[in-house]
Amino acid sequence: MWNTLRTDEYEGMIAETTVIQGADNTPLRTYFSRPLGGGQHPGIVMIPHMPGWDEYTREAARRFTQHGYMVMSPNIYQRFGEGTPSEVSQMARAAGGAVDDLVMGDCAGAIAALRANPACNGKVGVIGMCSGGRHAFLAACRLEGIDAAIDCWGGGVVAKPEDATPARPVAPITYTKDLSCPLLGIFGNEDRSPTKDDVNILEAELIKYGKNYEFHRYDGAGHGMWYYHTPMYRQEQAMDSFEKALAFFEKYLK
């Protein structure tokens, strides 16, 4: 589906920072990109990764908007302060990371805002990379109103009891039985978080509960294969898996 646009069709989008109601009724800054023109479009909540509410996340949002999606990326790190993405991510790490319950509340607010938008077709998906992939899996298990979820190399979905922290008190895999929508997983076989064993454990749990899922695992790739601004980028694996992400959302959201 990538690069299958028609040269004779109108194309336009708008992208801006707006405010939604986040967890605990907090006014939350959110990056919102959506197509211009007539018709209705599916919604996507794009959960930022630990490098922060950064330029890559915003570019990724616009990339999905290019393919017909309304995308909201809530600033789940807003409570730690303001600054550059690097500065804010350092604040977040120093404070123990984003609190799962608050992130879920922020995502719920984004879902509600998308569904309330008259240009939304009523379907909403969620996607995240790195820690955002972990949060995407958690959201698909804990929140209502999600029609499809994509976990891109989300580390920490499988975790030992001793890994629990005040911000992350429960391993997301614990909620697998509550997964309420189809799940796509994209993983690099050279990743160390999650490892291949972690992905195997999660897959076994999904099979145990009869969940609708598909996993794609890539040799020659580790963590962050989509991050074209870093040495982690892997062109062949990135484009193949991005095509699979587009096809997955096309199937369940359009």
Foldseek 3Di string as FASTA:
>chain_A
DPPPDDPPDDWDKDWDWDWWQFPPRDTWIKIKMATDDDAAAAEEEEEEALLFPAPVSNVVQVVVRRVGYIYIYTRLLVVQDDDHSNVSSVSQVVVPHRALVRSLRRVLRVLVVQCPDPRHPQAYAYEYFACSLQSQLLNQQPDPRHAETERELHFQLDDDCVPADNRRNDRVLVSLLRRDYEYEYEAEQPEVRPHPVVVVVSVVSCVVNVHHYYYDYHYPAYGPCCPPVDPRHDVVSNVVVVVVVVVRCVVGGD
